[in-house]
Amino acid sequence: MSDERFEDVWDAIEKDPAEAENMRLRAALMMALEAHIRSRGWTQVEAARRLGVTQPRISDLMRGKINLFALDTLVSLAVAAGLHVELRVSEAA
């Protein structure tokens, strides 16, 4: 067992720092979309219609199947949901 410490779970799971950052961004977008859909009281069918995807795709989103979603897809879904996405870039710690 190692005493190695990580900034967050993605750093522990992903060996490549770029992939860990991508996963962090995808997770944040997925959580925002899920929260938005739930706050609106949309069914999966209604969310699918509004976002221009299939109901099974919304099911994957709501279940957190992060490996099925690319970052650009999540940005497109967020915009279709009426959300504004901002990106902030800073020096790595």
PDB file of N, CA and C in Angstrom:
ATOM      1  N   MET A   1       0.843  -1.173   0.000  1.00  0.00           N
ATOM      2  CA  MET A   1       0.000   0.000   0.000  1.00  0.00           C
ATOM      3  C   MET A   1       0.888   1.237   0.000  1.00  0.00           C
ATOM      4  N   SER A   2       0.501   2.228  -0.737  1.00  0.00           N
ATOM      5  CA  SER A   2       1.286   3.453  -0.878  1.00  0.00           C
ATOM      6  C   SER A   2       0.663   4.584  -0.064  1.00  0.00           C
ATOM      7  N   ASP A   3       1.524   5.482   0.420  1.00  0.00           N
ATOM      8  CA  ASP A   3       1.051   6.677   1.125  1.00  0.00           C
ATOM      9  C   ASP A   3       0.924   7.857   0.176  1.00  0.00           C
ATOM     10  N   GLU A   4       0.958   7.576  -1.120  1.00  0.00           N
ATOM     11  CA  GLU A   4       0.875   8.634  -2.123  1.00  0.00           C
ATOM     12  C   GLU A   4      -0.445   9.389  -1.982  1.00  0.00           C
ATOM     13  N   ARG A   5      -0.374  10.716  -2.044  1.00  0.00           N
ATOM     14  CA  ARG A   5      -1.567  11.563  -1.918  1.00  0.00           C
ATOM     15  C   ARG A   5      -1.824  12.255  -3.250  1.00  0.00           C
ATOM     16  N   PHE A   6      -3.107  12.482  -3.515  1.00  0.00           N
ATOM     17  CA  PHE A   6      -3.513  13.090  -4.773  1.00  0.00           C
ATOM     18  C   PHE A   6      -4.401  14.290  -4.510  1.00  0.00           C
ATOM     19  N   GLU A   7      -4.390  15.210  -5.462  1.00  0.00           N
ATOM     20  CA  GLU A   7      -5.238  16.406  -5.390  1.00  0.00           C
ATOM     21  C   GLU A   7      -6.717  16.024  -5.374  1.00  0.00           C
ATOM     22  N   ASP A   8      -7.099  15.096  -6.245  1.00  0.00           N
ATOM     23  CA  ASP A   8      -8.478  14.602  -6.271  1.00  0.00           C
ATOM     24  C   ASP A   8      -8.489  13.206  -6.867  1.00  0.00           C
ATOM     25  N   VAL A   9      -9.666  12.626  -6.970  1.00  0.00           N
ATOM     26  CA  VAL A   9      -9.800  11.247  -7.429  1.00  0.00           C
ATOM     27  C   VAL A   9      -9.282  11.062  -8.855  1.00  0.00           C
ATOM     28  N   TRP A  10      -9.459  12.067  -9.697  1.00  0.00           N
ATOM     29  CA  TRP A  10      -9.032  11.916 -11.091  1.00  0.00           C
ATOM     30  C   TRP A  10      -7.522  11.806 -11.199  1.00  0.00           C
ATOM     31  N   ASP A  11      -6.792  12.493 -10.346  1.00  0.00           N
ATOM     32  CA  ASP A  11      -5.328  12.359 -10.351  1.00  0.00           C
ATOM     33  C   ASP A  11      -4.914  10.960  -9.922  1.00  0.00           C
ATOM     34  N   ALA A  12      -5.700  10.339  -9.047  1.00  0.00           N
ATOM     35  CA  ALA A  12      -5.389   8.988  -8.591  1.00  0.00           C
ATOM     36  C   ALA A  12      -5.715   7.954  -9.664  1.00  0.00           C
ATOM     37  N   ILE A  13      -6.770   8.186 -10.412  1.00  0.00           N
ATOM     38  CA  ILE A  13      -7.230   7.218 -11.412  1.00  0.00           C
ATOM     39  C   ILE A  13      -6.455   7.331 -12.721  1.00  0.00           C
ATOM     40  N   GLU A  14      -6.210   8.549 -13.162  1.00  0.00           N
ATOM     41  CA  GLU A  14      -5.572   8.800 -14.460  1.00  0.00           C
ATOM     42  C   GLU A  14      -4.093   9.113 -14.287  1.00  0.00           C
ATOM     43  N   LYS A  15      -3.266   8.381 -14.998  1.00  0.00           N
ATOM     44  CA  LYS A  15      -1.821   8.630 -14.924  1.00  0.00           C
ATOM     45  C   LYS A  15      -1.416   9.877 -15.713  1.00  0.00           C
ATOM     46  N   ASP A  16      -2.145  10.161 -16.774  1.00  0.00           N
ATOM     47  CA  ASP A  16      -1.854  11.311 -17.624  1.00  0.00           C
ATOM     48  C   ASP A  16      -2.557  12.548 -17.053  1.00  0.00           C
ATOM     49  N   PRO A  17      -1.795  13.589 -16.679  1.00  0.00           N
ATOM     50  CA  PRO A  17      -2.413  14.792 -16.120  1.00  0.00           C
ATOM     51  C   PRO A  17      -3.451  15.439 -17.046  1.00  0.00           C
ATOM     52  N   ALA A  18      -3.225  15.380 -18.349  1.00  0.00           N
ATOM     53  CA  ALA A  18      -4.182  15.968 -19.292  1.00  0.00           C
ATOM     54  C   ALA A  18      -5.505  15.198 -19.251  1.00  0.00           C
ATOM     55  N   GLU A  19      -5.432  13.884 -19.160  1.00  0.00           N
ATOM     56  CA  GLU A  19      -6.653  13.086 -19.095  1.00  0.00           C
ATOM     57  C   GLU A  19      -7.373  13.307 -17.764  1.00  0.00           C
ATOM     58  N   ALA A  20      -6.624  13.467 -16.684  1.00  0.00           N
ATOM     59  CA  ALA A  20      -7.239  13.762 -15.384  1.00  0.00           C
ATOM     60  C   ALA A  20      -7.986  15.094 -15.446  1.00  0.00           C
ATOM     61  N   GLU A  21      -7.397  16.087 -16.086  1.00  0.00           N
ATOM     62  CA  GLU A  21      -8.054  17.399 -16.225  1.00  0.00           C
ATOM     63  C   GLU A  21      -9.309  17.283 -17.083  1.00  0.00           C
ATOM     64  N   ASN A  22      -9.223  16.517 -18.160  1.00  0.00           N
ATOM     65  CA  ASN A  22     -10.379  16.299 -19.021  1.00  0.00           C
ATOM     66  C   ASN A  22     -11.508  15.633 -18.244  1.00  0.00           C
ATOM     67  N   MET A  23     -11.183  14.655 -17.424  1.00  0.00           N
ATOM     68  CA  MET A  23     -12.195  13.963 -16.615  1.00  0.00           C
ATOM     69  C   MET A  23     -12.825  14.920 -15.600  1.00  0.00           C
ATOM     70  N   ARG A  24     -12.030  15.781 -15.003  1.00  0.00           N
ATOM     71  CA  ARG A  24     -12.555  16.772 -14.053  1.00  0.00           C
ATOM     72  C   ARG A  24     -13.591  17.675 -14.732  1.00  0.00           C
ATOM     73  N   LEU A  25     -13.249  18.158 -15.920  1.00  0.00           N
ATOM     74  CA  LEU A  25     -14.156  19.034 -16.659  1.00  0.00           C
ATOM     75  C   LEU A  25     -15.427  18.301 -17.072  1.00  0.00           C
ATOM     76  N   ARG A  26     -15.269  17.077 -17.553  1.00  0.00           N
ATOM     77  CA  ARG A  26     -16.432  16.293 -17.943  1.00  0.00           C
ATOM     78  C   ARG A  26     -17.336  16.015 -16.751  1.00  0.00           C
ATOM     79  N   ALA A  27     -16.749  15.664 -15.626  1.00  0.00           N
ATOM     80  CA  ALA A  27     -17.541  15.389 -14.424  1.00  0.00           C
ATOM     81  C   ALA A  27     -18.320  16.623 -13.989  1.00  0.00           C
ATOM     82  N   ALA A  28     -17.670  17.782 -14.025  1.00  0.00           N
ATOM     83  CA  ALA A  28     -18.338  19.022 -13.623  1.00  0.00           C
ATOM     84  C   ALA A  28     -19.523  19.330 -14.537  1.00  0.00           C
ATOM     85  N   LEU A  29     -19.335  19.158 -15.841  1.00  0.00           N
ATOM     86  CA  LEU A  29     -20.417  19.405 -16.785  1.00  0.00           C
ATOM     87  C   LEU A  29     -21.554  18.398 -16.608  1.00  0.00           C
ATOM     88  N   MET A  30     -21.222  17.154 -16.390  1.00  0.00           N
ATOM     89  CA  MET A  30     -22.258  16.143 -16.200  1.00  0.00           C
ATOM     90  C   MET A  30     -23.075  16.430 -14.945  1.00  0.00           C
ATOM     91  N   MET A  31     -22.409  16.816 -13.865  1.00  0.00           N
ATOM     92  CA  MET A  31     -23.134  17.130 -12.632  1.00  0.00           C
ATOM     93  C   MET A  31     -24.020  18.357 -12.813  1.00  0.00           C
ATOM     94  N   ALA A  32     -23.524  19.366 -13.535  1.00  0.00           N
ATOM     95  CA  ALA A  32     -24.323  20.567 -13.783  1.00  0.00           C
ATOM     96  C   ALA A  32     -25.546  20.237 -14.629  1.00  0.00           C
ATOM     97  N   LEU A  33     -25.367  19.419 -15.648  1.00  0.00           N
ATOM     98  CA  LEU A  33     -26.493  19.025 -16.496  1.00  0.00           C
ATOM     99  C   LEU A  33     -27.512  18.201 -15.712  1.00  0.00           C
ATOM    100  N   GLU A  34     -27.041  17.261 -14.933  1.00  0.00           N
ATOM    101  CA  GLU A  34     -27.959  16.447 -14.135  1.00  0.00           C
ATOM    102  C   GLU A  34     -28.758  17.329 -13.176  1.00  0.00           C
ATOM    103  N   ALA A  35     -28.076  18.233 -12.498  1.00  0.00           N
ATOM    104  CA  ALA A  35     -28.750  19.130 -11.557  1.00  0.00           C
ATOM    105  C   ALA A  35     -29.773  20.002 -12.279  1.00  0.00           C
ATOM    106  N   HIS A  36     -29.420  20.493 -13.452  1.00  0.00           N
ATOM    107  CA  HIS A  36     -30.320  21.346 -14.237  1.00  0.00           C
ATOM    108  C   HIS A  36     -31.578  20.571 -14.639  1.00  0.00           C
ATOM    109  N   ILE A  37     -31.389  19.371 -15.140  1.00  0.00           N
ATOM    110  CA  ILE A  37     -32.518  18.537 -15.561  1.00  0.00           C
ATOM    111  C   ILE A  37     -33.426  18.247 -14.370  1.00  0.00           C
ATOM    112  N   ARG A  38     -32.843  17.890 -13.243  1.00  0.00           N
ATOM    113  CA  ARG A  38     -33.645  17.587 -12.046  1.00  0.00           C
ATOM    114  C   ARG A  38     -34.363  18.839 -11.529  1.00  0.00           C
ATOM    115  N   SER A  39     -33.674  19.980 -11.548  1.00  0.00           N
ATOM    116  CA  SER A  39     -34.290  21.206 -11.030  1.00  0.00           C
ATOM    117  C   SER A  39     -35.470  21.660 -11.884  1.00  0.00           C
ATOM    118  N   ARG A  40     -35.427  21.329 -13.154  1.00  0.00           N
ATOM    119  CA  ARG A  40     -36.526  21.680 -14.053  1.00  0.00           C
ATOM    120  C   ARG A  40     -37.676  20.672 -13.965  1.00  0.00           C
ATOM    121  N   GLY A  41     -37.406  19.542 -13.334  1.00  0.00           N
ATOM    122  CA  GLY A  41     -38.423  18.504 -13.230  1.00  0.00           C
ATOM    123  C   GLY A  41     -38.684  17.780 -14.536  1.00  0.00           C
ATOM    124  N   TRP A  42     -37.714  17.833 -15.448  1.00  0.00           N
ATOM    125  CA  TRP A  42     -37.878  17.178 -16.739  1.00  0.00           C
ATOM    126  C   TRP A  42     -37.780  15.668 -16.581  1.00  0.00           C
ATOM    127  N   THR A  43     -38.613  14.949 -17.295  1.00  0.00           N
ATOM    128  CA  THR A  43     -38.432  13.510 -17.421  1.00  0.00           C
ATOM    129  C   THR A  43     -37.257  13.287 -18.364  1.00  0.00           C
ATOM    130  N   GLN A  44     -36.777  12.068 -18.421  1.00  0.00           N
ATOM    131  CA  GLN A  44     -35.693  11.778 -19.358  1.00  0.00           C
ATOM    132  C   GLN A  44     -36.149  11.970 -20.804  1.00  0.00           C
ATOM    133  N   VAL A  45     -37.386  11.629 -21.069  1.00  0.00           N
ATOM    134  CA  VAL A  45     -37.924  11.812 -22.425  1.00  0.00           C
ATOM    135  C   VAL A  45     -37.974  13.299 -22.772  1.00  0.00           C
ATOM    136  N   GLU A  46     -38.446  14.119 -21.837  1.00  0.00           N
ATOM    137  CA  GLU A  46     -38.522  15.558 -22.088  1.00  0.00           C
ATOM    138  C   GLU A  46     -37.124  16.162 -22.234  1.00  0.00           C
ATOM    139  N   ALA A  47     -36.209  15.760 -21.362  1.00  0.00           N
ATOM    140  CA  ALA A  47     -34.833  16.260 -21.455  1.00  0.00           C
ATOM    141  C   ALA A  47     -34.218  15.877 -22.795  1.00  0.00           C
ATOM    142  N   ALA A  48     -34.445  14.658 -23.229  1.00  0.00           N
ATOM    143  CA  ALA A  48     -33.912  14.206 -24.518  1.00  0.00           C
ATOM    144  C   ALA A  48     -34.455  15.063 -25.658  1.00  0.00           C
ATOM    145  N   ARG A  49     -35.751  15.324 -25.620  1.00  0.00           N
ATOM    146  CA  ARG A  49     -36.365  16.147 -26.669  1.00  0.00           C
ATOM    147  C   ARG A  49     -35.764  17.547 -26.666  1.00  0.00           C
ATOM    148  N   ARG A  50     -35.655  18.142 -25.490  1.00  0.00           N
ATOM    149  CA  ARG A  50     -35.136  19.508 -25.380  1.00  0.00           C
ATOM    150  C   ARG A  50     -33.664  19.610 -25.777  1.00  0.00           C
ATOM    151  N   LEU A  51     -32.895  18.553 -25.501  1.00  0.00           N
ATOM    152  CA  LEU A  51     -31.455  18.600 -25.771  1.00  0.00           C
ATOM    153  C   LEU A  51     -31.083  17.972 -27.106  1.00  0.00           C
ATOM    154  N   GLY A  52     -32.057  17.426 -27.804  1.00  0.00           N
ATOM    155  CA  GLY A  52     -31.804  16.877 -29.131  1.00  0.00           C
ATOM    156  C   GLY A  52     -31.053  15.564 -29.141  1.00  0.00           C
ATOM    157  N   VAL A  53     -31.273  14.754 -28.120  1.00  0.00           N
ATOM    158  CA  VAL A  53     -30.642  13.434 -28.049  1.00  0.00           C
ATOM    159  C   VAL A  53     -31.712  12.395 -27.721  1.00  0.00           C
ATOM    160  N   THR A  54     -31.305  11.149 -27.605  1.00  0.00           N
ATOM    161  CA  THR A  54     -32.251  10.088 -27.277  1.00  0.00           C
ATOM    162  C   THR A  54     -32.411   9.951 -25.763  1.00  0.00           C
ATOM    163  N   GLN A  55     -33.504   9.332 -25.353  1.00  0.00           N
ATOM    164  CA  GLN A  55     -33.728   9.091 -23.927  1.00  0.00           C
ATOM    165  C   GLN A  55     -32.629   8.211 -23.334  1.00  0.00           C
ATOM    166  N   PRO A  56     -32.168   7.153 -24.037  1.00  0.00           N
ATOM    167  CA  PRO A  56     -31.073   6.369 -23.458  1.00  0.00           C
ATOM    168  C   PRO A  56     -29.801   7.197 -23.231  1.00  0.00           C
ATOM    169  N   ARG A  57     -29.594   8.208 -24.061  1.00  0.00           N
ATOM    170  CA  ARG A  57     -28.427   9.091 -23.883  1.00  0.00           C
ATOM    171  C   ARG A  57     -28.583   9.895 -22.591  1.00  0.00           C
ATOM    172  N   ILE A  58     -29.798  10.377 -22.322  1.00  0.00           N
ATOM    173  CA  ILE A  58     -30.050  11.100 -21.073  1.00  0.00           C
ATOM    174  C   ILE A  58     -29.884  10.152 -19.887  1.00  0.00           C
ATOM    175  N   SER A  59     -30.337   8.918 -20.030  1.00  0.00           N
ATOM    176  CA  SER A  59     -30.159   7.928 -18.976  1.00  0.00           C
ATOM    177  C   SER A  59     -28.676   7.741 -18.659  1.00  0.00           C
ATOM    178  N   ASP A  60     -27.852   7.642 -19.690  1.00  0.00           N
ATOM    179  CA  ASP A  60     -26.398   7.518 -19.483  1.00  0.00           C
ATOM    180  C   ASP A  60     -25.854   8.726 -18.731  1.00  0.00           C
ATOM    181  N   LEU A  61     -26.326   9.905 -19.100  1.00  0.00           N
ATOM    182  CA  LEU A  61     -25.898  11.136 -18.435  1.00  0.00           C
ATOM    183  C   LEU A  61     -26.295  11.113 -16.962  1.00  0.00           C
ATOM    184  N   MET A  62     -27.547  10.787 -16.698  1.00  0.00           N
ATOM    185  CA  MET A  62     -28.066  10.804 -15.329  1.00  0.00           C
ATOM    186  C   MET A  62     -27.411   9.736 -14.454  1.00  0.00           C
ATOM    187  N   ARG A  63     -26.943   8.679 -15.062  1.00  0.00           N
ATOM    188  CA  ARG A  63     -26.263   7.605 -14.333  1.00  0.00           C
ATOM    189  C   ARG A  63     -24.762   7.848 -14.193  1.00  0.00           C
ATOM    190  N   GLY A  64     -24.298   8.957 -14.761  1.00  0.00           N
ATOM    191  CA  GLY A  64     -22.893   9.320 -14.599  1.00  0.00           C
ATOM    192  C   GLY A  64     -21.920   8.494 -15.404  1.00  0.00           C
ATOM    193  N   LYS A  65     -22.349   7.991 -16.533  1.00  0.00           N
ATOM    194  CA  LYS A  65     -21.476   7.168 -17.373  1.00  0.00           C
ATOM    195  C   LYS A  65     -20.521   8.071 -18.159  1.00  0.00           C
ATOM    196  N   ILE A  66     -19.558   8.588 -17.435  1.00  0.00           N
ATOM    197  CA  ILE A  66     -18.646   9.611 -17.954  1.00  0.00           C
ATOM    198  C   ILE A  66     -17.860   9.145 -19.168  1.00  0.00           C
ATOM    199  N   ASN A  67     -17.553   7.855 -19.230  1.00  0.00           N
ATOM    200  CA  ASN A  67     -16.757   7.348 -20.348  1.00  0.00           C
ATOM    201  C   ASN A  67     -17.502   7.398 -21.679  1.00  0.00           C
ATOM    202  N   LEU A  68     -18.811   7.649 -21.648  1.00  0.00           N
ATOM    203  CA  LEU A  68     -19.611   7.708 -22.871  1.00  0.00           C
ATOM    204  C   LEU A  68     -19.769   9.120 -23.428  1.00  0.00           C
ATOM    205  N   PHE A  69     -19.173  10.112 -22.755  1.00  0.00           N
ATOM    206  CA  PHE A  69     -19.365  11.500 -23.159  1.00  0.00           C
ATOM    207  C   PHE A  69     -18.034  12.212 -23.362  1.00  0.00           C
ATOM    208  N   ALA A  70     -17.884  12.820 -24.519  1.00  0.00           N
ATOM    209  CA  ALA A  70     -16.718  13.662 -24.797  1.00  0.00           C
ATOM    210  C   ALA A  70     -16.999  15.063 -24.261  1.00  0.00           C
ATOM    211  N   LEU A  71     -15.948  15.791 -24.001  1.00  0.00           N
ATOM    212  CA  LEU A  71     -16.075  17.144 -23.469  1.00  0.00           C
ATOM    213  C   LEU A  71     -16.896  18.041 -24.395  1.00  0.00           C
ATOM    214  N   ASP A  72     -16.636  17.986 -25.683  1.00  0.00           N
ATOM    215  CA  ASP A  72     -17.378  18.845 -26.616  1.00  0.00           C
ATOM    216  C   ASP A  72     -18.860  18.476 -26.669  1.00  0.00           C
ATOM    217  N   THR A  73     -19.182  17.214 -26.524  1.00  0.00           N
ATOM    218  CA  THR A  73     -20.583  16.788 -26.476  1.00  0.00           C
ATOM    219  C   THR A  73     -21.282  17.371 -25.258  1.00  0.00           C
ATOM    220  N   LEU A  74     -20.614  17.348 -24.126  1.00  0.00           N
ATOM    221  CA  LEU A  74     -21.197  17.880 -22.891  1.00  0.00           C
ATOM    222  C   LEU A  74     -21.395  19.391 -22.973  1.00  0.00           C
ATOM    223  N   VAL A  75     -20.468  20.080 -23.608  1.00  0.00           N
ATOM    224  CA  VAL A  75     -20.634  21.525 -23.796  1.00  0.00           C
ATOM    225  C   VAL A  75     -21.855  21.779 -24.672  1.00  0.00           C
ATOM    226  N   SER A  76     -22.006  21.028 -25.740  1.00  0.00           N
ATOM    227  CA  SER A  76     -23.165  21.189 -26.628  1.00  0.00           C
ATOM    228  C   SER A  76     -24.473  20.913 -25.888  1.00  0.00           C
ATOM    229  N   LEU A  77     -24.501  19.881 -25.055  1.00  0.00           N
ATOM    230  CA  LEU A  77     -25.699  19.574 -24.273  1.00  0.00           C
ATOM    231  C   LEU A  77     -26.010  20.688 -23.282  1.00  0.00           C
ATOM    232  N   ALA A  78     -24.984  21.221 -22.652  1.00  0.00           N
ATOM    233  CA  ALA A  78     -25.189  22.309 -21.689  1.00  0.00           C
ATOM    234  C   ALA A  78     -25.784  23.532 -22.371  1.00  0.00           C
ATOM    235  N   VAL A  79     -25.268  23.884 -23.521  1.00  0.00           N
ATOM    236  CA  VAL A  79     -25.790  25.036 -24.260  1.00  0.00           C
ATOM    237  C   VAL A  79     -27.233  24.772 -24.692  1.00  0.00           C
ATOM    238  N   ALA A  80     -27.509  23.562 -25.166  1.00  0.00           N
ATOM    239  CA  ALA A  80     -28.878  23.212 -25.557  1.00  0.00           C
ATOM    240  C   ALA A  80     -29.835  23.284 -24.369  1.00  0.00           C
ATOM    241  N   ALA A  81     -29.310  23.041 -23.164  1.00  0.00           N
ATOM    242  CA  ALA A  81     -30.129  23.101 -21.946  1.00  0.00           C
ATOM    243  C   ALA A  81     -30.328  24.531 -21.460  1.00  0.00           C
ATOM    244  N   GLY A  82     -29.664  25.475 -22.119  1.00  0.00           N
ATOM    245  CA  GLY A  82     -29.792  26.873 -21.710  1.00  0.00           C
ATOM    246  C   GLY A  82     -28.776  27.288 -20.667  1.00  0.00           C
ATOM    247  N   LEU A  83     -27.709  26.524 -20.554  1.00  0.00           N
ATOM    248  CA  LEU A  83     -26.648  26.848 -19.603  1.00  0.00           C
ATOM    249  C   LEU A  83     -25.508  27.562 -20.313  1.00  0.00           C
ATOM    250  N   HIS A  84     -24.773  28.358 -19.572  1.00  0.00           N
ATOM    251  CA  HIS A  84     -23.588  29.058 -20.083  1.00  0.00           C
ATOM    252  C   HIS A  84     -22.370  28.360 -19.499  1.00  0.00           C
ATOM    253  N   VAL A  85     -21.431  28.023 -20.339  1.00  0.00           N
ATOM    254  CA  VAL A  85     -20.219  27.322 -19.904  1.00  0.00           C
ATOM    255  C   VAL A  85     -19.051  28.290 -19.974  1.00  0.00           C
ATOM    256  N   GLU A  86     -18.315  28.389 -18.877  1.00  0.00           N
ATOM    257  CA  GLU A  86     -17.119  29.228 -18.845  1.00  0.00           C
ATOM    258  C   GLU A  86     -15.904  28.359 -18.555  1.00  0.00           C
ATOM    259  N   LEU A  87     -14.780  28.758 -19.095  1.00  0.00           N
ATOM    260  CA  LEU A  87     -13.539  28.045 -18.881  1.00  0.00           C
ATOM    261  C   LEU A  87     -12.526  29.033 -18.304  1.00  0.00           C
ATOM    262  N   ARG A  88     -11.874  28.641 -17.245  1.00  0.00           N
ATOM    263  CA  ARG A  88     -10.851  29.470 -16.639  1.00  0.00           C
ATOM    264  C   ARG A  88      -9.548  28.686 -16.682  1.00  0.00           C
ATOM    265  N   VAL A  89      -8.505  29.301 -17.174  1.00  0.00           N
ATOM    266  CA  VAL A  89      -7.210  28.661 -17.283  1.00  0.00           C
ATOM    267  C   VAL A  89      -6.237  29.358 -16.353  1.00  0.00           C
ATOM    268  N   SER A  90      -5.494  28.561 -15.578  1.00  0.00           N
ATOM    269  CA  SER A  90      -4.508  29.122 -14.659  1.00  0.00           C
ATOM    270  C   SER A  90      -3.281  28.234 -14.633  1.00  0.00           C
ATOM    271  N   GLU A  91      -2.225  28.738 -14.019  1.00  0.00           N
ATOM    272  CA  GLU A  91      -0.998  27.966 -13.874  1.00  0.00           C
ATOM    273  C   GLU A  91      -1.277  26.732 -13.025  1.00  0.00           C
ATOM    274  N   ALA A  92      -0.664  25.613 -13.392  1.00  0.00           N
ATOM    275  CA  ALA A  92      -0.814  24.393 -12.598  1.00  0.00           C
ATOM    276  C   ALA A  92      -0.107  24.574 -11.261  1.00  0.00           C
ATOM    277  N   ALA A  93      -0.655  23.956 -10.261  1.00  0.00           N
ATOM    278  CA  ALA A  93      -0.092  24.076  -8.895  1.00  0.00           C
ATOM    279  C   ALA A  93       1.172  23.276  -8.754  1.00  0.00           C
TER     280      ALA A  93
END
